[in-house]
Amino acid sequence: MDILFENLADFRNWLEKNHQSSSGIWLILGKKEGPKTISADDALKEALCYGWIDGQIRKVDEYTYIKYFAPRRKKSIWSKRNRDFTEKLIREGLMKEAGYQAIDTAKENGQWTPKLEEITEEHISEFTQLVQENQLALEHFSKMSKSIQKNYTGYYFSAKQEETKKKRLAQIIVRLERNLKPLDPL
């Protein structure tokens, strides 16, 4: 379902009514010259209040794009940016019970503060060495934005066991061979 919200109050009302029953929605967001909509950042902050998170983003046309919002999965790692947002939302008294529950779950299962906090150039360099065995994957990886490189690198290094790292590397190589970003469907 694609929905356009012109103001934050409308999105907040929608979340209040649907955050427990909906599996997710695509928000229509306007670019600078596009229709008047809420911003992606404001939508994210509101979603966090209800235990939701943003995800994939797709261009619709020269004036709009859509971004997916859905309930946060229990094993979803919280980025520093989203943790910072939630702390501010709590201080401002905006956090809802569902948001508190998502935070508590993340703190209980270790997803609130992941072991690998920040991906450095050294991490990316080390990961690039692993990808070098596959020329096509390496070529695609090297042309991707720094944020996508960090995403793939972080996914690999966040594995705790060597066996898991091997499986993740194999999965990543397949995706890179196809020039896919982390959230693109296979």
N, C-alpha and C. Protein backbone atom coordinates (compact mmCIF):
# COMPACT_ATOMS: atom_id res chain seq x y z
N MET A 1 0.84 -1.17 0.00
CA MET A 1 0.00 0.00 0.00
C MET A 1 0.89 1.24 0.00
N ASP A 2 0.66 2.18 -0.91
CA ASP A 2 1.38 3.45 -0.99
C ASP A 2 0.50 4.55 -0.40
N ILE A 3 1.06 5.31 0.53
CA ILE A 3 0.29 6.39 1.16
C ILE A 3 1.11 7.67 1.16
N LEU A 4 0.45 8.79 0.89
CA LEU A 4 1.09 10.10 0.96
C LEU A 4 0.49 10.84 2.16
N PHE A 5 1.37 11.29 3.04
CA PHE A 5 0.94 12.10 4.18
C PHE A 5 1.49 13.51 4.00
N GLU A 6 0.59 14.49 4.03
CA GLU A 6 1.02 15.88 3.87
C GLU A 6 1.60 16.45 5.15
N ASN A 7 1.21 15.88 6.29
CA ASN A 7 1.72 16.39 7.56
C ASN A 7 1.97 15.25 8.53
N LEU A 8 2.79 15.53 9.52
CA LEU A 8 3.21 14.52 10.48
C LEU A 8 2.05 14.03 11.34
N ALA A 9 1.11 14.90 11.65
CA ALA A 9 -0.03 14.50 12.48
C ALA A 9 -0.82 13.38 11.80
N ASP A 10 -0.97 13.45 10.48
CA ASP A 10 -1.71 12.40 9.77
C ASP A 10 -0.97 11.07 9.84
N PHE A 11 0.35 11.10 9.68
CA PHE A 11 1.14 9.87 9.78
C PHE A 11 1.08 9.32 11.20
N ARG A 12 1.18 10.20 12.19
CA ARG A 12 1.10 9.78 13.59
C ARG A 12 -0.25 9.11 13.87
N ASN A 13 -1.34 9.70 13.38
CA ASN A 13 -2.67 9.11 13.56
C ASN A 13 -2.76 7.75 12.89
N TRP A 14 -2.17 7.64 11.69
CA TRP A 14 -2.20 6.35 10.99
C TRP A 14 -1.44 5.30 11.80
N LEU A 15 -0.25 5.66 12.29
CA LEU A 15 0.53 4.72 13.09
C LEU A 15 -0.20 4.33 14.37
N GLU A 16 -0.83 5.30 15.02
CA GLU A 16 -1.57 5.03 16.25
C GLU A 16 -2.63 3.95 16.01
N LYS A 17 -3.31 4.04 14.87
CA LYS A 17 -4.38 3.09 14.56
C LYS A 17 -3.86 1.77 13.99
N ASN A 18 -2.72 1.79 13.29
CA ASN A 18 -2.30 0.63 12.50
C ASN A 18 -0.97 -0.01 12.87
N HIS A 19 -0.23 0.54 13.83
CA HIS A 19 1.13 0.04 14.08
C HIS A 19 1.16 -1.42 14.52
N GLN A 20 0.08 -1.91 15.12
CA GLN A 20 0.06 -3.31 15.55
C GLN A 20 -0.49 -4.25 14.49
N SER A 21 -1.33 -3.75 13.61
CA SER A 21 -1.99 -4.62 12.64
C SER A 21 -1.36 -4.63 11.25
N SER A 22 -0.66 -3.58 10.88
CA SER A 22 -0.07 -3.49 9.54
C SER A 22 1.31 -4.14 9.51
N SER A 23 1.61 -4.81 8.41
CA SER A 23 2.94 -5.40 8.23
C SER A 23 3.91 -4.41 7.59
N GLY A 24 3.40 -3.26 7.16
CA GLY A 24 4.26 -2.24 6.58
C GLY A 24 3.56 -1.45 5.49
N ILE A 25 4.12 -0.28 5.17
CA ILE A 25 3.57 0.57 4.12
C ILE A 25 4.70 1.25 3.36
N TRP A 26 4.40 1.64 2.15
CA TRP A 26 5.30 2.48 1.35
C TRP A 26 4.80 3.91 1.48
N LEU A 27 5.63 4.79 2.02
CA LEU A 27 5.28 6.20 2.10
C LEU A 27 5.73 6.90 0.83
N ILE A 28 4.84 7.69 0.27
CA ILE A 28 5.18 8.51 -0.89
C ILE A 28 5.78 9.81 -0.34
N LEU A 29 6.99 10.09 -0.76
CA LEU A 29 7.70 11.27 -0.27
C LEU A 29 8.06 12.17 -1.45
N GLY A 30 7.83 13.45 -1.26
CA GLY A 30 8.09 14.41 -2.33
C GLY A 30 9.52 14.91 -2.32
N LYS A 31 10.07 15.04 -3.51
CA LYS A 31 11.37 15.68 -3.66
C LYS A 31 11.16 17.19 -3.58
N LYS A 32 12.24 17.94 -3.67
CA LYS A 32 12.19 19.40 -3.51
C LYS A 32 11.10 20.04 -4.39
N GLU A 33 11.05 19.66 -5.66
CA GLU A 33 10.08 20.25 -6.58
C GLU A 33 8.78 19.45 -6.63
N GLY A 34 8.66 18.42 -5.81
CA GLY A 34 7.51 17.54 -5.84
C GLY A 34 6.38 17.98 -4.92
N PRO A 35 5.44 17.07 -4.68
CA PRO A 35 4.30 17.40 -3.83
C PRO A 35 4.72 17.63 -2.38
N LYS A 36 3.91 18.35 -1.65
CA LYS A 36 4.18 18.61 -0.23
C LYS A 36 3.89 17.33 0.56
N THR A 37 4.93 16.81 1.19
CA THR A 37 4.78 15.62 2.03
C THR A 37 5.65 15.79 3.27
N ILE A 38 5.51 14.85 4.18
CA ILE A 38 6.43 14.84 5.32
C ILE A 38 7.81 14.43 4.82
N SER A 39 8.83 14.75 5.58
CA SER A 39 10.20 14.38 5.18
C SER A 39 10.50 12.96 5.63
N ALA A 40 11.48 12.34 4.99
CA ALA A 40 11.88 10.98 5.35
C ALA A 40 12.38 10.93 6.80
N ASP A 41 13.14 11.92 7.23
CA ASP A 41 13.64 11.95 8.61
C ASP A 41 12.51 12.08 9.62
N ASP A 42 11.56 12.97 9.34
CA ASP A 42 10.43 13.12 10.26
C ASP A 42 9.60 11.84 10.32
N ALA A 43 9.43 11.21 9.16
CA ALA A 43 8.68 9.95 9.13
C ALA A 43 9.40 8.88 9.95
N LEU A 44 10.72 8.82 9.82
CA LEU A 44 11.50 7.85 10.59
C LEU A 44 11.34 8.08 12.08
N LYS A 45 11.48 9.32 12.51
CA LYS A 45 11.36 9.62 13.95
C LYS A 45 9.98 9.21 14.47
N GLU A 46 8.96 9.49 13.70
CA GLU A 46 7.60 9.11 14.11
C GLU A 46 7.47 7.59 14.15
N ALA A 47 8.03 6.92 13.15
CA ALA A 47 7.97 5.46 13.10
C ALA A 47 8.68 4.84 14.31
N LEU A 48 9.83 5.38 14.68
CA LEU A 48 10.57 4.86 15.83
C LEU A 48 9.73 4.92 17.11
N CYS A 49 8.90 5.94 17.23
CA CYS A 49 8.03 6.06 18.41
C CYS A 49 7.10 4.86 18.57
N TYR A 50 6.78 4.22 17.46
CA TYR A 50 5.84 3.10 17.46
C TYR A 50 6.53 1.75 17.24
N GLY A 51 7.86 1.73 17.35
CA GLY A 51 8.58 0.48 17.17
C GLY A 51 8.76 0.08 15.72
N TRP A 52 8.61 1.03 14.81
CA TRP A 52 8.77 0.78 13.39
C TRP A 52 10.13 1.29 12.92
N ILE A 53 10.49 0.92 11.69
CA ILE A 53 11.77 1.31 11.11
C ILE A 53 11.58 1.56 9.61
N ASP A 54 12.47 2.34 9.04
CA ASP A 54 12.44 2.56 7.59
C ASP A 54 13.30 1.51 6.90
N GLY A 55 13.08 1.37 5.61
CA GLY A 55 13.82 0.36 4.86
C GLY A 55 14.11 0.82 3.45
N GLN A 56 13.73 -0.01 2.51
CA GLN A 56 14.02 0.25 1.10
C GLN A 56 13.47 1.59 0.63
N ILE A 57 14.16 2.10 -0.37
CA ILE A 57 13.74 3.36 -0.98
C ILE A 57 13.76 3.16 -2.50
N ARG A 58 12.75 3.69 -3.18
CA ARG A 58 12.68 3.54 -4.63
C ARG A 58 12.21 4.85 -5.27
N LYS A 59 12.82 5.17 -6.38
CA LYS A 59 12.40 6.35 -7.15
C LYS A 59 11.08 6.01 -7.85
N VAL A 60 10.16 6.96 -7.82
CA VAL A 60 8.90 6.81 -8.55
C VAL A 60 8.98 7.60 -9.85
N ASP A 61 9.32 8.87 -9.71
CA ASP A 61 9.47 9.74 -10.88
C ASP A 61 10.37 10.91 -10.48
N GLU A 62 10.41 11.95 -11.30
CA GLU A 62 11.31 13.06 -11.00
C GLU A 62 10.86 13.89 -9.79
N TYR A 63 9.63 13.66 -9.32
CA TYR A 63 9.10 14.45 -8.21
C TYR A 63 8.90 13.68 -6.91
N THR A 64 8.83 12.37 -7.00
CA THR A 64 8.54 11.57 -5.80
C THR A 64 9.38 10.30 -5.74
N TYR A 65 9.48 9.80 -4.52
CA TYR A 65 10.07 8.48 -4.28
C TYR A 65 9.25 7.83 -3.17
N ILE A 66 9.42 6.53 -3.01
CA ILE A 66 8.71 5.84 -1.94
C ILE A 66 9.74 5.20 -1.02
N LYS A 67 9.38 5.13 0.25
CA LYS A 67 10.24 4.53 1.26
C LYS A 67 9.38 3.60 2.10
N TYR A 68 9.94 2.41 2.37
CA TYR A 68 9.18 1.39 3.10
C TYR A 68 9.35 1.58 4.60
N PHE A 69 8.25 1.49 5.32
CA PHE A 69 8.24 1.54 6.78
C PHE A 69 7.48 0.32 7.29
N ALA A 70 8.03 -0.32 8.33
CA ALA A 70 7.42 -1.54 8.85
C ALA A 70 7.82 -1.73 10.32
N PRO A 71 7.11 -2.62 11.02
CA PRO A 71 7.52 -2.92 12.39
C PRO A 71 8.94 -3.46 12.40
N ARG A 72 9.71 -3.05 13.38
CA ARG A 72 11.10 -3.50 13.50
C ARG A 72 11.11 -4.98 13.86
N ARG A 73 11.98 -5.74 13.20
CA ARG A 73 12.15 -7.15 13.53
C ARG A 73 12.95 -7.27 14.83
N LYS A 74 12.73 -8.35 15.56
CA LYS A 74 13.39 -8.52 16.86
C LYS A 74 14.91 -8.57 16.74
N LYS A 75 15.44 -9.11 15.67
CA LYS A 75 16.90 -9.25 15.52
C LYS A 75 17.52 -8.11 14.71
N SER A 76 16.76 -7.06 14.48
CA SER A 76 17.24 -5.91 13.72
C SER A 76 18.21 -5.09 14.57
N ILE A 77 19.39 -4.82 14.02
CA ILE A 77 20.40 -4.04 14.73
C ILE A 77 20.03 -2.55 14.66
N TRP A 78 20.17 -1.89 15.78
CA TRP A 78 19.87 -0.46 15.87
C TRP A 78 21.11 0.35 15.50
N SER A 79 20.99 1.21 14.52
CA SER A 79 22.11 2.08 14.15
C SER A 79 22.28 3.16 15.22
N LYS A 80 23.46 3.73 15.27
CA LYS A 80 23.72 4.82 16.22
C LYS A 80 22.76 5.97 15.96
N ARG A 81 22.53 6.27 14.70
CA ARG A 81 21.62 7.36 14.34
C ARG A 81 20.23 7.13 14.92
N ASN A 82 19.70 5.91 14.78
CA ASN A 82 18.37 5.63 15.30
C ASN A 82 18.34 5.60 16.82
N ARG A 83 19.43 5.13 17.44
CA ARG A 83 19.51 5.17 18.91
C ARG A 83 19.50 6.63 19.38
N ASP A 84 20.25 7.48 18.68
CA ASP A 84 20.27 8.90 19.04
C ASP A 84 18.88 9.53 18.88
N PHE A 85 18.21 9.20 17.78
CA PHE A 85 16.85 9.71 17.57
C PHE A 85 15.94 9.29 18.72
N THR A 86 15.99 8.01 19.10
CA THR A 86 15.07 7.53 20.14
C THR A 86 15.37 8.19 21.49
N GLU A 87 16.63 8.41 21.78
CA GLU A 87 16.97 9.08 23.05
C GLU A 87 16.38 10.49 23.08
N LYS A 88 16.44 11.18 21.95
CA LYS A 88 15.86 12.52 21.87
C LYS A 88 14.33 12.45 21.97
N LEU A 89 13.73 11.48 21.31
CA LEU A 89 12.27 11.32 21.36
C LEU A 89 11.80 11.02 22.79
N ILE A 90 12.58 10.24 23.51
CA ILE A 90 12.24 9.93 24.91
C ILE A 90 12.34 11.21 25.75
N ARG A 91 13.42 11.96 25.59
CA ARG A 91 13.59 13.22 26.34
C ARG A 91 12.44 14.18 26.08
N GLU A 92 11.95 14.18 24.84
CA GLU A 92 10.86 15.09 24.46
C GLU A 92 9.48 14.54 24.83
N GLY A 93 9.44 13.33 25.40
CA GLY A 93 8.17 12.73 25.81
C GLY A 93 7.31 12.23 24.67
N LEU A 94 7.92 11.93 23.53
CA LEU A 94 7.16 11.51 22.35
C LEU A 94 7.10 10.00 22.15
N MET A 95 7.96 9.25 22.83
CA MET A 95 8.03 7.80 22.64
C MET A 95 6.74 7.14 23.13
N LYS A 96 6.25 6.19 22.34
CA LYS A 96 5.04 5.44 22.67
C LYS A 96 5.43 4.08 23.26
N GLU A 97 4.46 3.40 23.84
CA GLU A 97 4.72 2.11 24.48
C GLU A 97 5.36 1.12 23.51
N ALA A 98 4.88 1.07 22.27
CA ALA A 98 5.44 0.13 21.29
C ALA A 98 6.91 0.45 21.00
N GLY A 99 7.26 1.72 21.02
CA GLY A 99 8.65 2.12 20.83
C GLY A 99 9.52 1.68 21.98
N TYR A 100 9.02 1.88 23.20
CA TYR A 100 9.75 1.41 24.39
C TYR A 100 9.95 -0.10 24.35
N GLN A 101 8.92 -0.83 23.92
CA GLN A 101 9.03 -2.29 23.84
C GLN A 101 10.10 -2.70 22.84
N ALA A 102 10.17 -2.03 21.69
CA ALA A 102 11.19 -2.35 20.69
C ALA A 102 12.59 -2.09 21.24
N ILE A 103 12.74 -1.01 21.99
CA ILE A 103 14.03 -0.69 22.60
C ILE A 103 14.40 -1.74 23.64
N ASP A 104 13.45 -2.09 24.51
CA ASP A 104 13.71 -3.10 25.54
C ASP A 104 14.11 -4.44 24.93
N THR A 105 13.41 -4.84 23.86
CA THR A 105 13.74 -6.09 23.17
C THR A 105 15.16 -6.03 22.63
N ALA A 106 15.53 -4.91 22.02
CA ALA A 106 16.87 -4.76 21.46
C ALA A 106 17.94 -4.80 22.55
N LYS A 107 17.67 -4.21 23.68
CA LYS A 107 18.63 -4.22 24.78
C LYS A 107 18.77 -5.63 25.36
N GLU A 108 17.65 -6.37 25.41
CA GLU A 108 17.68 -7.74 25.94
C GLU A 108 18.43 -8.69 25.01
N ASN A 109 18.26 -8.54 23.70
CA ASN A 109 18.88 -9.50 22.78
C ASN A 109 20.20 -9.02 22.17
N GLY A 110 20.71 -7.89 22.65
CA GLY A 110 22.02 -7.43 22.21
C GLY A 110 22.04 -6.64 20.92
N GLN A 111 20.88 -6.28 20.39
CA GLN A 111 20.83 -5.54 19.13
C GLN A 111 20.89 -4.02 19.34
N TRP A 112 20.77 -3.58 20.58
CA TRP A 112 20.80 -2.14 20.86
C TRP A 112 22.20 -1.58 20.66
N THR A 113 23.20 -2.27 21.18
CA THR A 113 24.58 -1.84 21.03
C THR A 113 25.37 -2.97 20.39
N PRO A 114 25.44 -2.99 19.07
CA PRO A 114 26.17 -4.07 18.40
C PRO A 114 27.66 -4.04 18.73
N LYS A 115 28.29 -5.20 18.61
CA LYS A 115 29.71 -5.33 18.94
C LYS A 115 30.58 -4.43 18.04
N LEU A 116 30.26 -4.39 16.77
CA LEU A 116 31.04 -3.59 15.82
C LEU A 116 30.31 -2.27 15.61
N GLU A 117 30.72 -1.26 16.33
CA GLU A 117 29.98 0.00 16.34
C GLU A 117 30.18 0.81 15.06
N GLU A 118 31.41 0.96 14.62
CA GLU A 118 31.64 1.80 13.46
C GLU A 118 32.56 1.09 12.47
N ILE A 119 32.15 1.09 11.22
CA ILE A 119 32.95 0.49 10.16
C ILE A 119 33.98 1.52 9.72
N THR A 120 35.24 1.13 9.77
CA THR A 120 36.33 2.03 9.40
C THR A 120 36.84 1.69 8.00
N GLU A 121 37.72 2.53 7.49
CA GLU A 121 38.37 2.26 6.20
C GLU A 121 39.16 0.95 6.27
N GLU A 122 39.72 0.65 7.44
CA GLU A 122 40.46 -0.61 7.61
C GLU A 122 39.54 -1.81 7.43
N HIS A 123 38.33 -1.72 7.99
CA HIS A 123 37.36 -2.81 7.83
C HIS A 123 37.03 -3.00 6.34
N ILE A 124 36.75 -1.88 5.66
CA ILE A 124 36.39 -1.95 4.24
C ILE A 124 37.55 -2.52 3.44
N SER A 125 38.77 -2.11 3.74
CA SER A 125 39.95 -2.62 3.05
C SER A 125 40.11 -4.13 3.26
N GLU A 126 39.92 -4.56 4.49
CA GLU A 126 40.03 -5.99 4.80
C GLU A 126 38.94 -6.78 4.08
N PHE A 127 37.72 -6.23 4.06
CA PHE A 127 36.62 -6.91 3.37
C PHE A 127 36.87 -6.95 1.86
N THR A 128 37.42 -5.87 1.32
CA THR A 128 37.75 -5.82 -0.11
C THR A 128 38.73 -6.93 -0.48
N GLN A 129 39.69 -7.20 0.39
CA GLN A 129 40.64 -8.29 0.16
C GLN A 129 39.92 -9.63 0.03
N LEU A 130 38.88 -9.82 0.85
CA LEU A 130 38.12 -11.07 0.80
C LEU A 130 37.33 -11.19 -0.51
N VAL A 131 36.85 -10.07 -1.00
CA VAL A 131 36.03 -10.06 -2.22
C VAL A 131 36.90 -10.19 -3.47
N GLN A 132 38.19 -9.89 -3.37
CA GLN A 132 39.08 -9.86 -4.54
C GLN A 132 39.15 -11.17 -5.31
N GLU A 133 38.82 -12.26 -4.67
CA GLU A 133 38.88 -13.55 -5.36
C GLU A 133 37.85 -13.64 -6.49
N ASN A 134 36.83 -12.79 -6.45
CA ASN A 134 35.81 -12.78 -7.48
C ASN A 134 35.87 -11.41 -8.17
N GLN A 135 36.41 -11.39 -9.38
CA GLN A 135 36.67 -10.13 -10.08
C GLN A 135 35.39 -9.33 -10.33
N LEU A 136 34.31 -9.99 -10.74
CA LEU A 136 33.06 -9.28 -11.01
C LEU A 136 32.49 -8.66 -9.73
N ALA A 137 32.49 -9.44 -8.66
CA ALA A 137 32.00 -8.93 -7.37
C ALA A 137 32.85 -7.75 -6.91
N LEU A 138 34.15 -7.86 -7.06
CA LEU A 138 35.06 -6.78 -6.66
C LEU A 138 34.79 -5.51 -7.48
N GLU A 139 34.62 -5.70 -8.78
CA GLU A 139 34.36 -4.55 -9.66
C GLU A 139 33.08 -3.82 -9.23
N HIS A 140 32.02 -4.58 -8.98
CA HIS A 140 30.76 -3.96 -8.56
C HIS A 140 30.89 -3.30 -7.18
N PHE A 141 31.54 -4.01 -6.25
CA PHE A 141 31.71 -3.49 -4.89
C PHE A 141 32.48 -2.17 -4.90
N SER A 142 33.53 -2.10 -5.70
CA SER A 142 34.38 -0.90 -5.71
C SER A 142 33.66 0.31 -6.30
N LYS A 143 32.61 0.08 -7.09
CA LYS A 143 31.86 1.18 -7.69
C LYS A 143 30.67 1.62 -6.84
N MET A 144 30.40 0.89 -5.76
CA MET A 144 29.27 1.22 -4.90
C MET A 144 29.63 2.38 -3.97
N SER A 145 28.60 3.06 -3.51
CA SER A 145 28.82 4.19 -2.60
C SER A 145 29.46 3.70 -1.30
N LYS A 146 30.09 4.62 -0.60
CA LYS A 146 30.75 4.29 0.67
C LYS A 146 29.75 3.71 1.67
N SER A 147 28.53 4.23 1.70
CA SER A 147 27.54 3.73 2.66
C SER A 147 27.14 2.29 2.35
N ILE A 148 27.04 1.94 1.08
CA ILE A 148 26.72 0.55 0.71
C ILE A 148 27.89 -0.35 1.05
N GLN A 149 29.11 0.11 0.77
CA GLN A 149 30.29 -0.68 1.14
C GLN A 149 30.34 -0.92 2.64
N LYS A 150 30.02 0.10 3.42
CA LYS A 150 29.99 -0.06 4.88
C LYS A 150 28.91 -1.04 5.30
N ASN A 151 27.79 -1.01 4.62
CA ASN A 151 26.69 -1.91 4.96
C ASN A 151 27.11 -3.36 4.76
N TYR A 152 27.65 -3.67 3.59
CA TYR A 152 28.11 -5.04 3.33
C TYR A 152 29.23 -5.43 4.29
N THR A 153 30.18 -4.53 4.50
CA THR A 153 31.31 -4.81 5.39
C THR A 153 30.84 -5.07 6.81
N GLY A 154 29.93 -4.23 7.28
CA GLY A 154 29.40 -4.39 8.63
C GLY A 154 28.63 -5.69 8.80
N TYR A 155 27.86 -6.06 7.78
CA TYR A 155 27.11 -7.32 7.84
C TYR A 155 28.08 -8.49 7.99
N TYR A 156 29.16 -8.47 7.24
CA TYR A 156 30.15 -9.54 7.32
C TYR A 156 30.82 -9.57 8.69
N PHE A 157 31.33 -8.45 9.15
CA PHE A 157 32.10 -8.41 10.39
C PHE A 157 31.24 -8.53 11.65
N SER A 158 29.95 -8.34 11.54
CA SER A 158 29.10 -8.48 12.72
C SER A 158 28.84 -9.94 13.09
N ALA A 159 29.19 -10.86 12.19
CA ALA A 159 29.05 -12.29 12.51
C ALA A 159 30.03 -12.66 13.62
N LYS A 160 29.54 -13.46 14.55
CA LYS A 160 30.38 -13.82 15.70
C LYS A 160 31.26 -15.03 15.42
N GLN A 161 30.77 -15.95 14.60
CA GLN A 161 31.51 -17.20 14.36
C GLN A 161 32.06 -17.22 12.93
N GLU A 162 33.20 -17.88 12.78
CA GLU A 162 33.85 -17.95 11.46
C GLU A 162 32.95 -18.63 10.43
N GLU A 163 32.22 -19.64 10.85
CA GLU A 163 31.32 -20.34 9.92
C GLU A 163 30.25 -19.38 9.40
N THR A 164 29.73 -18.56 10.28
CA THR A 164 28.73 -17.57 9.87
C THR A 164 29.34 -16.55 8.92
N LYS A 165 30.58 -16.13 9.20
CA LYS A 165 31.26 -15.19 8.30
C LYS A 165 31.42 -15.79 6.91
N LYS A 166 31.77 -17.07 6.83
CA LYS A 166 31.93 -17.73 5.53
C LYS A 166 30.61 -17.75 4.77
N LYS A 167 29.53 -18.07 5.46
CA LYS A 167 28.21 -18.10 4.82
C LYS A 167 27.81 -16.70 4.33
N ARG A 168 28.06 -15.72 5.17
CA ARG A 168 27.70 -14.35 4.79
C ARG A 168 28.53 -13.87 3.60
N LEU A 169 29.81 -14.20 3.60
CA LEU A 169 30.65 -13.80 2.48
C LEU A 169 30.13 -14.41 1.18
N ALA A 170 29.75 -15.68 1.23
CA ALA A 170 29.21 -16.34 0.03
C ALA A 170 27.93 -15.65 -0.43
N GLN A 171 27.06 -15.30 0.51
CA GLN A 171 25.81 -14.60 0.17
C GLN A 171 26.11 -13.23 -0.45
N ILE A 172 27.05 -12.53 0.15
CA ILE A 172 27.40 -11.19 -0.34
C ILE A 172 28.00 -11.27 -1.74
N ILE A 173 28.87 -12.25 -1.97
CA ILE A 173 29.49 -12.42 -3.29
C ILE A 173 28.42 -12.61 -4.36
N VAL A 174 27.43 -13.45 -4.07
CA VAL A 174 26.34 -13.68 -5.04
C VAL A 174 25.63 -12.36 -5.34
N ARG A 175 25.36 -11.59 -4.31
CA ARG A 175 24.67 -10.32 -4.50
C ARG A 175 25.54 -9.33 -5.28
N LEU A 176 26.82 -9.29 -4.95
CA LEU A 176 27.72 -8.37 -5.65
C LEU A 176 27.91 -8.75 -7.11
N GLU A 177 27.94 -10.04 -7.41
CA GLU A 177 28.04 -10.48 -8.81
C GLU A 177 26.88 -9.93 -9.63
N ARG A 178 25.73 -9.79 -8.99
CA ARG A 178 24.53 -9.28 -9.66
C ARG A 178 24.40 -7.77 -9.50
N ASN A 179 25.40 -7.15 -8.86
CA ASN A 179 25.41 -5.70 -8.63
C ASN A 179 24.20 -5.24 -7.81
N LEU A 180 23.86 -6.03 -6.79
CA LEU A 180 22.71 -5.73 -5.94
C LEU A 180 23.15 -5.01 -4.67
N LYS A 181 22.35 -4.07 -4.24
CA LYS A 181 22.56 -3.42 -2.95
C LYS A 181 21.99 -4.34 -1.87
N PRO A 182 22.35 -4.12 -0.61
CA PRO A 182 21.93 -5.03 0.46
C PRO A 182 20.42 -5.28 0.55
N LEU A 183 19.59 -4.28 0.30
CA LEU A 183 18.15 -4.47 0.44
C LEU A 183 17.45 -4.82 -0.87
N ASP A 184 18.18 -4.87 -1.97
CA ASP A 184 17.57 -5.25 -3.25
C ASP A 184 17.17 -6.72 -3.22
N PRO A 185 15.99 -7.06 -3.77
CA PRO A 185 15.61 -8.48 -3.82
C PRO A 185 16.53 -9.26 -4.75
N LEU A 186 16.78 -10.52 -4.40
CA LEU A 186 17.65 -11.38 -5.23
C LEU A 186 16.99 -11.72 -6.54
